[in-house]
Amino acid sequence: MTDPSETEIQQEPPQIRFLRRLVTTLTVVMIGGLVVIISLLVIRLQASETPLPAEIALPEGVKAEAVTLGSDWIAVVSQDNRILIFDRGTGDLRQEVQIKD
């Protein structure tokens, strides 16, 4: 006779054991993938400084908010509501457009 305080340990079938290991492995892989995606997003979003090509020199006191590259020009949107268009080859300022509020 068995003691009621002792639980009887039953052997699980091989299919259940395989399924349990498979679910555990997939859970670990999904958690790892989420960690990688979140870390890449954080790294990407931390780059707050707008990258400018080396040949572009902004006028004094102008800070870039966005950069657009064309075939032979580079447009820089500044924080003071201007679009500065530079020549891609020489880096000279071609045109300046004031954005109306």
C-alpha atoms as a PDB file:
ATOM      1  CA  MET A   1       0.000   0.000   0.000  1.00  0.00           C
ATOM      2  CA  THR A   2       1.208   3.528  -0.739  1.00  0.00           C
ATOM      3  CA  ASP A   3       1.378   6.354   1.709  1.00  0.00           C
ATOM      4  CA  PRO A   4      -1.052   9.168   0.711  1.00  0.00           C
ATOM      5  CA  SER A   5       1.499  11.856   1.620  1.00  0.00           C
ATOM      6  CA  GLU A   6       3.885  10.535  -1.010  1.00  0.00           C
ATOM      7  CA  THR A   7       2.982  11.424  -4.560  1.00  0.00           C
ATOM      8  CA  GLU A   8       3.562   8.842  -7.181  1.00  0.00           C
ATOM      9  CA  ILE A   9       6.002   9.998  -9.844  1.00  0.00           C
ATOM     10  CA  GLN A  10       4.915   8.834 -13.242  1.00  0.00           C
ATOM     11  CA  GLN A  11       7.213   8.575 -16.218  1.00  0.00           C
ATOM     12  CA  GLU A  12       6.161  10.931 -18.981  1.00  0.00           C
ATOM     13  CA  PRO A  13       5.898   9.544 -22.489  1.00  0.00           C
ATOM     14  CA  PRO A  14       8.786  10.342 -24.862  1.00  0.00           C
ATOM     15  CA  GLN A  15       6.545  12.483 -27.079  1.00  0.00           C
ATOM     16  CA  ILE A  16       5.578  14.724 -24.148  1.00  0.00           C
ATOM     17  CA  ARG A  17       9.212  15.039 -23.075  1.00  0.00           C
ATOM     18  CA  PHE A  18      10.205  16.002 -26.643  1.00  0.00           C
ATOM     19  CA  LEU A  19       7.373  18.535 -26.859  1.00  0.00           C
ATOM     20  CA  ARG A  20       8.333  20.088 -23.509  1.00  0.00           C
ATOM     21  CA  ARG A  21      11.977  20.465 -24.594  1.00  0.00           C
ATOM     22  CA  LEU A  22      10.918  21.871 -27.965  1.00  0.00           C
ATOM     23  CA  VAL A  23       8.683  24.502 -26.363  1.00  0.00           C
ATOM     24  CA  THR A  24      11.444  25.453 -23.900  1.00  0.00           C
ATOM     25  CA  THR A  25      13.996  25.787 -26.717  1.00  0.00           C
ATOM     26  CA  LEU A  26      11.665  27.894 -28.841  1.00  0.00           C
ATOM     27  CA  THR A  27      10.901  30.148 -25.870  1.00  0.00           C
ATOM     28  CA  VAL A  28      14.605  30.737 -25.260  1.00  0.00           C
ATOM     29  CA  VAL A  29      15.190  31.507 -28.955  1.00  0.00           C
ATOM     30  CA  MET A  30      12.277  33.972 -29.048  1.00  0.00           C
ATOM     31  CA  ILE A  31      13.478  35.756 -25.916  1.00  0.00           C
ATOM     32  CA  GLY A  32      16.965  35.985 -27.397  1.00  0.00           C
ATOM     33  CA  GLY A  33      15.560  37.392 -30.646  1.00  0.00           C
ATOM     34  CA  LEU A  34      13.552  40.016 -28.799  1.00  0.00           C
ATOM     35  CA  VAL A  35      16.611  41.067 -26.812  1.00  0.00           C
ATOM     36  CA  VAL A  36      18.611  41.451 -30.039  1.00  0.00           C
ATOM     37  CA  ILE A  37      15.854  43.469 -31.770  1.00  0.00           C
ATOM     38  CA  ILE A  38      15.337  45.770 -28.795  1.00  0.00           C
ATOM     39  CA  SER A  39      19.074  46.358 -28.372  1.00  0.00           C
ATOM     40  CA  LEU A  40      19.452  47.184 -32.073  1.00  0.00           C
ATOM     41  CA  LEU A  41      16.570  49.649 -31.872  1.00  0.00           C
ATOM     42  CA  VAL A  42      18.066  51.311 -28.817  1.00  0.00           C
ATOM     43  CA  ILE A  43      21.474  51.577 -30.472  1.00  0.00           C
ATOM     44  CA  ARG A  44      19.925  52.977 -33.649  1.00  0.00           C
ATOM     45  CA  LEU A  45      17.735  55.510 -31.871  1.00  0.00           C
ATOM     46  CA  GLN A  46      20.556  56.745 -29.651  1.00  0.00           C
ATOM     47  CA  ALA A  47      22.321  58.173 -32.686  1.00  0.00           C
ATOM     48  CA  SER A  48      20.786  61.603 -32.152  1.00  0.00           C
ATOM     49  CA  GLU A  49      23.398  63.475 -34.146  1.00  0.00           C
ATOM     50  CA  THR A  50      22.510  63.746 -37.853  1.00  0.00           C
ATOM     51  CA  PRO A  51      25.442  62.369 -39.843  1.00  0.00           C
ATOM     52  CA  LEU A  52      26.795  64.786 -42.418  1.00  0.00           C
ATOM     53  CA  PRO A  53      29.137  63.872 -45.247  1.00  0.00           C
ATOM     54  CA  ALA A  54      32.703  64.971 -44.591  1.00  0.00           C
ATOM     55  CA  GLU A  55      32.775  67.468 -47.463  1.00  0.00           C
ATOM     56  CA  ILE A  56      29.860  69.526 -46.064  1.00  0.00           C
ATOM     57  CA  ALA A  57      30.638  72.453 -43.781  1.00  0.00           C
ATOM     58  CA  LEU A  58      27.530  74.078 -42.328  1.00  0.00           C
ATOM     59  CA  PRO A  59      27.418  77.847 -41.805  1.00  0.00           C
ATOM     60  CA  GLU A  60      28.163  79.136 -38.301  1.00  0.00           C
ATOM     61  CA  GLY A  61      25.394  78.417 -35.794  1.00  0.00           C
ATOM     62  CA  VAL A  62      23.402  76.065 -38.059  1.00  0.00           C
ATOM     63  CA  LYS A  63      22.488  72.640 -36.713  1.00  0.00           C
ATOM     64  CA  ALA A  64      21.298  69.877 -39.041  1.00  0.00           C
ATOM     65  CA  GLU A  65      17.967  68.204 -38.392  1.00  0.00           C
ATOM     66  CA  ALA A  66      17.788  65.988 -41.497  1.00  0.00           C
ATOM     67  CA  VAL A  67      19.971  65.152 -44.495  1.00  0.00           C
ATOM     68  CA  THR A  68      18.806  64.062 -47.947  1.00  0.00           C
ATOM     69  CA  LEU A  69      21.162  62.838 -50.650  1.00  0.00           C
ATOM     70  CA  GLY A  70      20.428  63.435 -54.327  1.00  0.00           C
ATOM     71  CA  SER A  71      22.363  62.387 -57.413  1.00  0.00           C
ATOM     72  CA  ASP A  72      24.581  65.493 -57.444  1.00  0.00           C
ATOM     73  CA  TRP A  73      23.324  67.445 -54.401  1.00  0.00           C
ATOM     74  CA  ILE A  74      22.905  67.158 -50.657  1.00  0.00           C
ATOM     75  CA  ALA A  75      19.995  68.873 -48.893  1.00  0.00           C
ATOM     76  CA  VAL A  76      20.296  69.715 -45.208  1.00  0.00           C
ATOM     77  CA  VAL A  77      17.222  70.731 -43.238  1.00  0.00           C
ATOM     78  CA  SER A  78      18.327  72.983 -40.396  1.00  0.00           C
ATOM     79  CA  GLN A  79      16.710  73.536 -37.021  1.00  0.00           C
ATOM     80  CA  ASP A  80      15.984  77.163 -37.929  1.00  0.00           C
ATOM     81  CA  ASN A  81      13.562  76.155 -40.748  1.00  0.00           C
ATOM     82  CA  ARG A  82      15.898  76.423 -43.710  1.00  0.00           C
ATOM     83  CA  ILE A  83      16.840  73.965 -46.433  1.00  0.00           C
ATOM     84  CA  LEU A  84      20.463  74.274 -47.499  1.00  0.00           C
ATOM     85  CA  ILE A  85      21.337  72.589 -50.796  1.00  0.00           C
ATOM     86  CA  PHE A  86      25.010  71.770 -51.303  1.00  0.00           C
ATOM     87  CA  ASP A  87      26.877  70.510 -54.353  1.00  0.00           C
ATOM     88  CA  ARG A  88      27.780  66.870 -53.757  1.00  0.00           C
ATOM     89  CA  GLY A  89      31.141  67.047 -55.487  1.00  0.00           C
ATOM     90  CA  THR A  90      32.550  70.312 -54.161  1.00  0.00           C
ATOM     91  CA  GLY A  91      30.528  70.847 -50.980  1.00  0.00           C
ATOM     92  CA  ASP A  92      29.669  74.427 -51.992  1.00  0.00           C
ATOM     93  CA  LEU A  93      26.328  75.928 -51.022  1.00  0.00           C
ATOM     94  CA  ARG A  94      24.102  76.021 -54.122  1.00  0.00           C
ATOM     95  CA  GLN A  95      20.812  77.268 -52.752  1.00  0.00           C
ATOM     96  CA  GLU A  96      19.106  78.245 -49.524  1.00  0.00           C
ATOM     97  CA  VAL A  97      15.323  77.931 -49.094  1.00  0.00           C
ATOM     98  CA  GLN A  98      13.481  79.482 -46.170  1.00  0.00           C
ATOM     99  CA  ILE A  99      10.529  77.389 -44.927  1.00  0.00           C
ATOM    100  CA  LYS A 100       7.505  79.456 -43.959  1.00  0.00           C
ATOM    101  CA  ASP A 101       5.774  78.644 -40.695  1.00  0.00           C
END
